[in-house]
PDB file of N, CA and C in Angstrom:
ATOM      1  N   MET A   1     169.176  96.283 173.656  1.00  0.00           N
ATOM      2  CA  MET A   1     168.342  97.147 172.840  1.00  0.00           C
ATOM      3  C   MET A   1     167.546  98.059 173.766  1.00  0.00           C
ATOM      4  N   THR A   2     167.525  99.293 173.454  1.00  0.00           N
ATOM      5  CA  THR A   2     166.825 100.240 174.311  1.00  0.00           C
ATOM      6  C   THR A   2     165.336 100.163 174.036  1.00  0.00           C
ATOM      7  N   CYS A   3     164.617 100.743 174.913  1.00  0.00           N
ATOM      8  CA  CYS A   3     163.152 100.750 174.813  1.00  0.00           C
ATOM      9  C   CYS A   3     162.695 101.497 173.568  1.00  0.00           C
ATOM     10  N   ARG A   4     163.384 102.551 173.259  1.00  0.00           N
ATOM     11  CA  ARG A   4     163.019 103.356 172.069  1.00  0.00           C
ATOM     12  C   ARG A   4     163.257 102.542 170.786  1.00  0.00           C
ATOM     13  N   LYS A   5     164.370 101.805 170.714  1.00  0.00           N
ATOM     14  CA  LYS A   5     164.657 101.001 169.535  1.00  0.00           C
ATOM     15  C   LYS A   5     163.642  99.873 169.385  1.00  0.00           C
ATOM     16  N   ARG A   6     163.262  99.269 170.525  1.00  0.00           N
ATOM     17  CA  ARG A   6     162.256  98.213 170.467  1.00  0.00           C
ATOM     18  C   ARG A   6     160.927  98.751 169.958  1.00  0.00           C
ATOM     19  N   LEU A   7     160.572  99.921 170.417  1.00  0.00           N
ATOM     20  CA  LEU A   7     159.306 100.541 169.985  1.00  0.00           C
ATOM     21  C   LEU A   7     159.349 100.824 168.491  1.00  0.00           C
ATOM     22  N   LEU A   8     160.445 101.389 167.993  1.00  0.00           N
ATOM     23  CA  LEU A   8     160.568 101.663 166.564  1.00  0.00           C
ATOM     24  C   LEU A   8     160.558 100.370 165.757  1.00  0.00           C
ATOM     25  N   PHE A   9     161.242  99.334 166.241  1.00  0.00           N
ATOM     26  CA  PHE A   9     161.252  98.044 165.557  1.00  0.00           C
ATOM     27  C   PHE A   9     159.850  97.436 165.520  1.00  0.00           C
ATOM     28  N   SER A  10     159.112  97.549 166.615  1.00  0.00           N
ATOM     29  CA  SER A  10     157.731  97.026 166.679  1.00  0.00           C
ATOM     30  C   SER A  10     156.825  97.785 165.714  1.00  0.00           C
ATOM     31  N   ILE A  11     156.944  99.105 165.695  1.00  0.00           N
ATOM     32  CA  ILE A  11     156.126  99.912 164.786  1.00  0.00           C
ATOM     33  C   ILE A  11     156.462  99.565 163.344  1.00  0.00           C
ATOM     34  N   PHE A  12     157.747  99.424 163.051  1.00  0.00           N
ATOM     35  CA  PHE A  12     158.148  99.041 161.695  1.00  0.00           C
ATOM     36  C   PHE A  12     157.605  97.658 161.346  1.00  0.00           C
ATOM     37  N   GLY A  13     157.670  96.727 162.262  1.00  0.00           N
ATOM     38  CA  GLY A  13     157.136  95.385 162.037  1.00  0.00           C
ATOM     39  C   GLY A  13     155.640  95.410 161.793  1.00  0.00           C
ATOM     40  N   ILE A  14     154.917  96.173 162.563  1.00  0.00           N
ATOM     41  CA  ILE A  14     153.461  96.305 162.379  1.00  0.00           C
ATOM     42  C   ILE A  14     153.166  96.921 161.019  1.00  0.00           C
ATOM     43  N   PHE A  15     153.950  97.931 160.642  1.00  0.00           N
ATOM     44  CA  PHE A  15     153.767  98.563 159.338  1.00  0.00           C
ATOM     45  C   PHE A  15     153.987  97.555 158.210  1.00  0.00           C
ATOM     46  N   VAL A  16     155.052  96.754 158.298  1.00  0.00           N
ATOM     47  CA  VAL A  16     155.364  95.767 157.267  1.00  0.00           C
ATOM     48  C   VAL A  16     154.257  94.721 157.188  1.00  0.00           C
ATOM     49  N   VAL A  17     153.806  94.209 158.323  1.00  0.00           N
ATOM     50  CA  VAL A  17     152.744  93.205 158.347  1.00  0.00           C
ATOM     51  C   VAL A  17     151.448  93.788 157.777  1.00  0.00           C
ATOM     52  N   THR A  18     151.125  95.015 158.136  1.00  0.00           N
ATOM     53  CA  THR A  18     149.919  95.669 157.616  1.00  0.00           C
ATOM     54  C   THR A  18     150.026  95.853 156.104  1.00  0.00           C
ATOM     55  N   PHE A  19     151.179  96.301 155.647  1.00  0.00           N
ATOM     56  CA  PHE A  19     151.381  96.484 154.214  1.00  0.00           C
ATOM     57  C   PHE A  19     151.244  95.161 153.479  1.00  0.00           C
ATOM     58  N   MET A  20     151.828  94.095 154.002  1.00  0.00           N
ATOM     59  CA  MET A  20     151.742  92.779 153.367  1.00  0.00           C
ATOM     60  C   MET A  20     150.302  92.279 153.332  1.00  0.00           C
ATOM     61  N   ALA A  21     149.550  92.530 154.400  1.00  0.00           N
ATOM     62  CA  ALA A  21     148.147  92.104 154.439  1.00  0.00           C
ATOM     63  C   ALA A  21     147.332  92.855 153.392  1.00  0.00           C
ATOM     64  N   ILE A  22     147.557  94.148 153.283  1.00  0.00           N
ATOM     65  CA  ILE A  22     146.852  94.952 152.282  1.00  0.00           C
ATOM     66  C   ILE A  22     147.238  94.499 150.880  1.00  0.00           C
ATOM     67  N   ALA A  23     148.519  94.222 150.655  1.00  0.00           N
ATOM     68  CA  ALA A  23     148.969  93.759 149.343  1.00  0.00           C
ATOM     69  C   ALA A  23     148.339  92.411 149.015  1.00  0.00           C
ATOM     70  N   LEU A  24     148.239  91.520 149.987  1.00  0.00           N
ATOM     71  CA  LEU A  24     147.633  90.217 149.771  1.00  0.00           C
ATOM     72  C   LEU A  24     146.157  90.350 149.401  1.00  0.00           C
ATOM     73  N   VAL A  25     145.444  91.210 150.093  1.00  0.00           N
ATOM     74  CA  VAL A  25     144.028  91.436 149.781  1.00  0.00           C
ATOM     75  C   VAL A  25     143.887  92.025 148.379  1.00  0.00           C
ATOM     76  N   TRP A  26     144.737  92.975 148.025  1.00  0.00           N
ATOM     77  CA  TRP A  26     144.668  93.594 146.694  1.00  0.00           C
ATOM     78  C   TRP A  26     144.941  92.566 145.604  1.00  0.00           C
ATOM     79  N   VAL A  27     145.978  91.732 145.807  1.00  0.00           N
ATOM     80  CA  VAL A  27     146.310  90.714 144.811  1.00  0.00           C
ATOM     81  C   VAL A  27     145.140  89.746 144.657  1.00  0.00           C
ATOM     82  N   ARG A  28     144.552  89.330 145.749  1.00  0.00           N
ATOM     83  CA  ARG A  28     143.416  88.401 145.687  1.00  0.00           C
ATOM     84  C   ARG A  28     142.227  89.050 144.974  1.00  0.00           C
ATOM     85  N   THR A  29     141.952  90.296 145.259  1.00  0.00           N
ATOM     86  CA  THR A  29     140.848  91.011 144.619  1.00  0.00           C
ATOM     87  C   THR A  29     141.096  91.136 143.117  1.00  0.00           C
ATOM     88  N   GLU A  30     142.310  91.469 142.732  1.00  0.00           N
ATOM     89  CA  GLU A  30     142.647  91.589 141.309  1.00  0.00           C
ATOM     90  C   GLU A  30     142.538  90.239 140.598  1.00  0.00           C
ATOM     91  N   THR A  31     142.939  89.168 141.287  1.00  0.00           N
ATOM     92  CA  THR A  31     142.829  87.832 140.700  1.00  0.00           C
ATOM     93  C   THR A  31     141.371  87.494 140.406  1.00  0.00           C
ATOM     94  N   ILE A  32     140.501  87.784 141.336  1.00  0.00           N
ATOM     95  CA  ILE A  32     139.074  87.513 141.138  1.00  0.00           C
ATOM     96  C   ILE A  32     138.515  88.387 140.026  1.00  0.00           C
ATOM     97  N   ARG A  33     138.867  89.672 140.021  1.00  0.00           N
ATOM     98  CA  ARG A  33     138.369  90.585 138.995  1.00  0.00           C
ATOM     99  C   ARG A  33     138.829  90.138 137.606  1.00  0.00           C
ATOM    100  N   LEU A  34     140.099  89.758 137.490  1.00  0.00           N
ATOM    101  CA  LEU A  34     140.613  89.309 136.199  1.00  0.00           C
ATOM    102  C   LEU A  34     139.969  87.991 135.762  1.00  0.00           C
ATOM    103  N   GLY A  35     139.645  87.138 136.719  1.00  0.00           N
ATOM    104  CA  GLY A  35     138.937  85.903 136.391  1.00  0.00           C
ATOM    105  C   GLY A  35     137.575  86.192 135.779  1.00  0.00           C
ATOM    106  N   TYR A  36     136.844  87.121 136.390  1.00  0.00           N
ATOM    107  CA  TYR A  36     135.540  87.512 135.835  1.00  0.00           C
ATOM    108  C   TYR A  36     135.697  88.157 134.462  1.00  0.00           C
ATOM    109  N   GLU A  37     136.714  88.986 134.309  1.00  0.00           N
ATOM    110  CA  GLU A  37     136.938  89.644 133.022  1.00  0.00           C
ATOM    111  C   GLU A  37     137.295  88.622 131.934  1.00  0.00           C
ATOM    112  N   CYS A  38     138.104  87.633 132.278  1.00  0.00           N
ATOM    113  CA  CYS A  38     138.443  86.576 131.311  1.00  0.00           C
ATOM    114  C   CYS A  38     137.191  85.801 130.906  1.00  0.00           C
ATOM    115  N   ALA A  39     136.328  85.505 131.872  1.00  0.00           N
ATOM    116  CA  ALA A  39     135.088  84.784 131.565  1.00  0.00           C
ATOM    117  C   ALA A  39     134.206  85.610 130.643  1.00  0.00           C
ATOM    118  N   ARG A  40     134.122  86.923 130.900  1.00  0.00           N
ATOM    119  CA  ARG A  40     133.305  87.796 130.055  1.00  0.00           C
ATOM    120  C   ARG A  40     133.876  87.865 128.643  1.00  0.00           C
ATOM    121  N   ILE A  41     135.182  87.990 128.542  1.00  0.00           N
ATOM    122  CA  ILE A  41     135.814  88.056 127.225  1.00  0.00           C
ATOM    123  C   ILE A  41     135.614  86.746 126.472  1.00  0.00           C
ATOM    124  N   SER A  42     135.702  85.623 127.178  1.00  0.00           N
ATOM    125  CA  SER A  42     135.471  84.325 126.531  1.00  0.00           C
ATOM    126  C   SER A  42     134.049  84.238 125.990  1.00  0.00           C
ATOM    127  N   ARG A  43     133.080  84.720 126.763  1.00  0.00           N
ATOM    128  CA  ARG A  43     131.687  84.734 126.275  1.00  0.00           C
ATOM    129  C   ARG A  43     131.549  85.646 125.069  1.00  0.00           C
ATOM    130  N   ASP A  44     132.201  86.796 125.113  1.00  0.00           N
ATOM    131  CA  ASP A  44     132.135  87.715 123.970  1.00  0.00           C
ATOM    132  C   ASP A  44     132.744  87.084 122.719  1.00  0.00           C
ATOM    133  N   ILE A  45     133.848  86.376 122.888  1.00  0.00           N
ATOM    134  CA  ILE A  45     134.490  85.720 121.739  1.00  0.00           C
ATOM    135  C   ILE A  45     133.579  84.642 121.165  1.00  0.00           C
ATOM    136  N   GLU A  46     132.971  83.843 122.048  1.00  0.00           N
ATOM    137  CA  GLU A  46     132.056  82.793 121.570  1.00  0.00           C
ATOM    138  C   GLU A  46     130.874  83.399 120.824  1.00  0.00           C
ATOM    139  N   THR A  47     130.327  84.485 121.352  1.00  0.00           N
ATOM    140  CA  THR A  47     129.209  85.157 120.685  1.00  0.00           C
ATOM    141  C   THR A  47     129.637  85.695 119.328  1.00  0.00           C
ATOM    142  N   ALA A  48     130.800  86.325 119.278  1.00  0.00           N
ATOM    143  CA  ALA A  48     131.292  86.872 118.010  1.00  0.00           C
ATOM    144  C   ALA A  48     131.538  85.760 116.991  1.00  0.00           C
ATOM    145  N   MET A  49     132.038  84.625 117.441  1.00  0.00           N
ATOM    146  CA  MET A  49     132.284  83.512 116.525  1.00  0.00           C
ATOM    147  C   MET A  49     130.968  82.946 115.985  1.00  0.00           C
ATOM    148  N   ARG A  50     129.933  82.874 116.846  1.00  0.00           N
ATOM    149  CA  ARG A  50     128.631  82.403 116.370  1.00  0.00           C
ATOM    150  C   ARG A  50     128.044  83.368 115.344  1.00  0.00           C
ATOM    151  N   VAL A  51     128.160  84.661 115.612  1.00  0.00           N
ATOM    152  CA  VAL A  51     127.654  85.665 114.677  1.00  0.00           C
ATOM    153  C   VAL A  51     128.426  85.588 113.365  1.00  0.00           C
ATOM    154  N   GLN A  52     129.735  85.442 113.438  1.00  0.00           N
ATOM    155  CA  GLN A  52     130.551  85.343 112.229  1.00  0.00           C
ATOM    156  C   GLN A  52     130.142  84.124 111.399  1.00  0.00           C
ATOM    157  N   LYS A  53     129.896  83.007 112.054  1.00  0.00           N
ATOM    158  CA  LYS A  53     129.490  81.800 111.337  1.00  0.00           C
ATOM    159  C   LYS A  53     128.147  82.018 110.640  1.00  0.00           C
ATOM    160  N   LYS A  54     127.198  82.643 111.351  1.00  0.00           N
ATOM    161  CA  LYS A  54     125.893  82.924 110.750  1.00  0.00           C
ATOM    162  C   LYS A  54     126.037  83.861 109.555  1.00  0.00           C
ATOM    163  N   LEU A  55     126.873  84.879 109.693  1.00  0.00           N
ATOM    164  CA  LEU A  55     127.067  85.828 108.601  1.00  0.00           C
ATOM    165  C   LEU A  55     127.729  85.169 107.396  1.00  0.00           C
ATOM    166  N   ARG A  56     128.694  84.273 107.638  1.00  0.00           N
ATOM    167  CA  ARG A  56     129.318  83.564 106.517  1.00  0.00           C
ATOM    168  C   ARG A  56     128.303  82.691 105.785  1.00  0.00           C
ATOM    169  N   LEU A  57     127.466  81.993 106.546  1.00  0.00           N
ATOM    170  CA  LEU A  57     126.448  81.159 105.921  1.00  0.00           C
ATOM    171  C   LEU A  57     125.463  82.009 105.116  1.00  0.00           C
ATOM    172  N   GLU A  58     125.079  83.137 105.687  1.00  0.00           N
ATOM    173  CA  GLU A  58     124.158  84.035 104.979  1.00  0.00           C
ATOM    174  C   GLU A  58     124.813  84.575 103.717  1.00  0.00           C
ATOM    175  N   TRP A  59     126.095  84.946 103.800  1.00  0.00           N
ATOM    176  CA  TRP A  59     126.830  85.452 102.637  1.00  0.00           C
ATOM    177  C   TRP A  59     126.895  84.398 101.542  1.00  0.00           C
ATOM    178  N   GLU A  60     127.221  83.171 101.931  1.00  0.00           N
ATOM    179  CA  GLU A  60     127.282  82.087 100.952  1.00  0.00           C
ATOM    180  C   GLU A  60     125.922  81.862 100.309  1.00  0.00           C
ATOM    181  N   ARG A  61     124.876  81.970 101.107  1.00  0.00           N
ATOM    182  CA  ARG A  61     123.529  81.745 100.584  1.00  0.00           C
ATOM    183  C   ARG A  61     123.136  82.827  99.578  1.00  0.00           C
ATOM    184  N   ILE A  62     123.360  84.070  99.949  1.00  0.00           N
ATOM    185  CA  ILE A  62     122.878  85.146  99.064  1.00  0.00           C
ATOM    186  C   ILE A  62     123.781  85.374  97.863  1.00  0.00           C
ATOM    187  N   THR A  63     125.024  84.924  97.914  1.00  0.00           N
ATOM    188  CA  THR A  63     125.891  85.115  96.750  1.00  0.00           C
ATOM    189  C   THR A  63     125.906  83.898  95.836  1.00  0.00           C
ATOM    190  N   ALA A  64     125.198  82.862  96.206  1.00  0.00           N
ATOM    191  CA  ALA A  64     125.110  81.690  95.327  1.00  0.00           C
ATOM    192  C   ALA A  64     124.324  82.078  94.072  1.00  0.00           C
ATOM    193  N   TYR A  65     124.760  81.560  92.931  1.00  0.00           N
ATOM    194  CA  TYR A  65     124.134  81.921  91.654  1.00  0.00           C
ATOM    195  C   TYR A  65     122.644  81.620  91.663  1.00  0.00           C
ATOM    196  N   SER A  66     122.247  80.478  92.180  1.00  0.00           N
ATOM    197  CA  SER A  66     120.827  80.109  92.182  1.00  0.00           C
ATOM    198  C   SER A  66     120.011  81.082  93.028  1.00  0.00           C
ATOM    199  N   GLU A  67     120.588  81.552  94.142  1.00  0.00           N
ATOM    200  CA  GLU A  67     119.871  82.508  94.993  1.00  0.00           C
ATOM    201  C   GLU A  67     119.759  83.860  94.295  1.00  0.00           C
ATOM    202  N   LEU A  68     120.837  84.284  93.630  1.00  0.00           N
ATOM    203  CA  LEU A  68     120.784  85.547  92.894  1.00  0.00           C
ATOM    204  C   LEU A  68     119.743  85.471  91.773  1.00  0.00           C
ATOM    205  N   GLU A  69     119.709  84.340  91.109  1.00  0.00           N
ATOM    206  CA  GLU A  69     118.732  84.166  90.039  1.00  0.00           C
ATOM    207  C   GLU A  69     117.306  84.183  90.595  1.00  0.00           C
ATOM    208  N   ARG A  70     117.089  83.515  91.729  1.00  0.00           N
ATOM    209  CA  ARG A  70     115.760  83.501  92.352  1.00  0.00           C
ATOM    210  C   ARG A  70     115.333  84.910  92.751  1.00  0.00           C
ATOM    211  N   ILE A  71     116.242  85.678  93.360  1.00  0.00           N
ATOM    212  CA  ILE A  71     115.919  87.048  93.761  1.00  0.00           C
ATOM    213  C   ILE A  71     115.598  87.895  92.532  1.00  0.00           C
ATOM    214  N   ALA A  72     116.388  87.741  91.481  1.00  0.00           N
ATOM    215  CA  ALA A  72     116.152  88.519  90.263  1.00  0.00           C
ATOM    216  C   ALA A  72     114.776  88.205  89.681  1.00  0.00           C
ATOM    217  N   ARG A  73     114.396  86.948  89.676  1.00  0.00           N
ATOM    218  CA  ARG A  73     113.095  86.556  89.115  1.00  0.00           C
ATOM    219  C   ARG A  73     111.941  86.991  90.007  1.00  0.00           C
ATOM    220  N   GLU A  74     112.017  86.649  91.304  1.00  0.00           N
ATOM    221  CA  GLU A  74     110.884  86.865  92.203  1.00  0.00           C
ATOM    222  C   GLU A  74     110.731  88.322  92.644  1.00  0.00           C
ATOM    223  N   GLU A  75     111.819  88.959  92.990  1.00  0.00           N
ATOM    224  CA  GLU A  75     111.712  90.306  93.549  1.00  0.00           C
ATOM    225  C   GLU A  75     111.755  91.399  92.491  1.00  0.00           C
ATOM    226  N   PHE A  76     112.480  91.157  91.404  1.00  0.00           N
ATOM    227  CA  PHE A  76     112.627  92.199  90.399  1.00  0.00           C
ATOM    228  C   PHE A  76     111.959  91.867  89.073  1.00  0.00           C
ATOM    229  N   GLY A  77     111.393  90.686  88.970  1.00  0.00           N
ATOM    230  CA  GLY A  77     110.692  90.294  87.751  1.00  0.00           C
ATOM    231  C   GLY A  77     111.604  90.163  86.539  1.00  0.00           C
ATOM    232  N   LEU A  78     112.863  89.840  86.758  1.00  0.00           N
ATOM    233  CA  LEU A  78     113.804  89.703  85.653  1.00  0.00           C
ATOM    234  C   LEU A  78     113.798  88.271  85.131  1.00  0.00           C
ATOM    235  N   ALA A  79     114.142  88.121  83.873  1.00  0.00           N
ATOM    236  CA  ALA A  79     114.250  86.804  83.251  1.00  0.00           C
ATOM    237  C   ALA A  79     115.331  86.876  82.184  1.00  0.00           C
ATOM    238  N   PRO A  80     115.902  85.745  81.803  1.00  0.00           N
ATOM    239  CA  PRO A  80     116.894  85.767  80.732  1.00  0.00           C
ATOM    240  C   PRO A  80     116.252  86.271  79.435  1.00  0.00           C
ATOM    241  N   PRO A  81     116.977  87.034  78.638  1.00  0.00           N
ATOM    242  CA  PRO A  81     116.395  87.576  77.405  1.00  0.00           C
ATOM    243  C   PRO A  81     116.238  86.486  76.340  1.00  0.00           C
ATOM    244  N   ASP A  82     115.265  86.704  75.483  1.00  0.00           N
ATOM    245  CA  ASP A  82     115.135  85.835  74.295  1.00  0.00           C
ATOM    246  C   ASP A  82     116.301  86.149  73.370  1.00  0.00           C
ATOM    247  N   PRO A  83     116.736  85.185  72.601  1.00  0.00           N
ATOM    248  CA  PRO A  83     117.833  85.463  71.661  1.00  0.00           C
ATOM    249  C   PRO A  83     117.508  86.605  70.704  1.00  0.00           C
ATOM    250  N   SER A  84     116.234  86.794  70.385  1.00  0.00           N
ATOM    251  CA  SER A  84     115.860  87.882  69.470  1.00  0.00           C
ATOM    252  C   SER A  84     115.991  89.257  70.130  1.00  0.00           C
ATOM    253  N   GLU A  85     116.046  89.300  71.449  1.00  0.00           N
ATOM    254  CA  GLU A  85     116.146  90.575  72.172  1.00  0.00           C
ATOM    255  C   GLU A  85     117.597  91.015  72.374  1.00  0.00           C
ATOM    256  N   ILE A  86     118.534  90.177  72.079  1.00  0.00           N
ATOM    257  CA  ILE A  86     119.946  90.492  72.305  1.00  0.00           C
ATOM    258  C   ILE A  86     120.470  91.331  71.149  1.00  0.00           C
ATOM    259  N   GLU A  87     121.068  92.452  71.482  1.00  0.00           N
ATOM    260  CA  GLU A  87     121.669  93.340  70.491  1.00  0.00           C
ATOM    261  C   GLU A  87     123.135  93.532  70.843  1.00  0.00           C
ATOM    262  N   PHE A  88     123.989  93.504  69.872  1.00  0.00           N
ATOM    263  CA  PHE A  88     125.416  93.701  70.065  1.00  0.00           C
ATOM    264  C   PHE A  88     125.768  95.114  69.650  1.00  0.00           C
ATOM    265  N   LEU A  89     126.512  95.785  70.479  1.00  0.00           N
ATOM    266  CA  LEU A  89     126.953  97.142  70.189  1.00  0.00           C
ATOM    267  C   LEU A  89     128.384  97.092  69.695  1.00  0.00           C
ATOM    268  N   VAL A  90     128.647  97.842  68.655  1.00  0.00           N
ATOM    269  CA  VAL A  90     129.976  97.866  68.068  1.00  0.00           C
ATOM    270  C   VAL A  90     130.512  99.275  68.207  1.00  0.00           C
ATOM    271  N   ASP A  91     131.736  99.365  68.694  1.00  0.00           N
ATOM    272  CA  ASP A  91     132.393 100.659  68.818  1.00  0.00           C
ATOM    273  C   ASP A  91     132.835 101.102  67.431  1.00  0.00           C
ATOM    274  N   ASP A  92     132.525 102.344  67.054  1.00  0.00           N
ATOM    275  CA  ASP A  92     132.857 102.831  65.702  1.00  0.00           C
ATOM    276  C   ASP A  92     134.362 102.751  65.437  1.00  0.00           C
ATOM    277  N   ALA A  93     135.194 103.011  66.439  1.00  0.00           N
ATOM    278  CA  ALA A  93     136.639 102.973  66.237  1.00  0.00           C
ATOM    279  C   ALA A  93     137.087 101.530  65.992  1.00  0.00           C
ATOM    280  N   ASP A  94     136.484 100.571  66.688  1.00  0.00           N
ATOM    281  CA  ASP A  94     136.851  99.168  66.467  1.00  0.00           C
ATOM    282  C   ASP A  94     136.351  98.691  65.099  1.00  0.00           C
ATOM    283  N   ALA A  95     135.200  99.167  64.688  1.00  0.00           N
ATOM    284  CA  ALA A  95     134.643  98.749  63.401  1.00  0.00           C
ATOM    285  C   ALA A  95     135.476  99.288  62.233  1.00  0.00           C
ATOM    286  N   ALA A  96     136.109 100.452  62.402  1.00  0.00           N
ATOM    287  CA  ALA A  96     136.891 101.063  61.330  1.00  0.00           C
ATOM    288  C   ALA A  96     138.290 100.439  61.241  1.00  0.00           C
ATOM    289  N   GLY A  97     138.634  99.574  62.175  1.00  0.00           N
ATOM    290  CA  GLY A  97     139.930  98.907  62.129  1.00  0.00           C
ATOM    291  C   GLY A  97     141.021  99.711  62.776  1.00  0.00           C
ATOM    292  N   ARG A  98     140.729 100.659  63.436  1.00  0.00           N
ATOM    293  CA  ARG A  98     141.622 101.522  64.196  1.00  0.00           C
ATOM    294  C   ARG A  98     143.008 101.462  63.795  1.00  0.00           C
TER     295      ARG A  98
END
């Protein structure tokens, strides 16, 4: 092997080793970054699940008949009508037997 070929082979070898070292560092850096990102996403999912659970409980609470009745009485001053206050409306077309 001539001196020139040895020099080119050495330079190529150094280039390959340098490239592999850079690739190894990049892969390791990406692995760490993705690990942190997975941890962050897991925390976000846990937070979203806790919020969803709270919202479901709140929804169940406010849509329960007893809660709706309490809100109607306390906040709006509503009460069930007396039987004497109930009026039935009849459609003229239905009353005529259409």
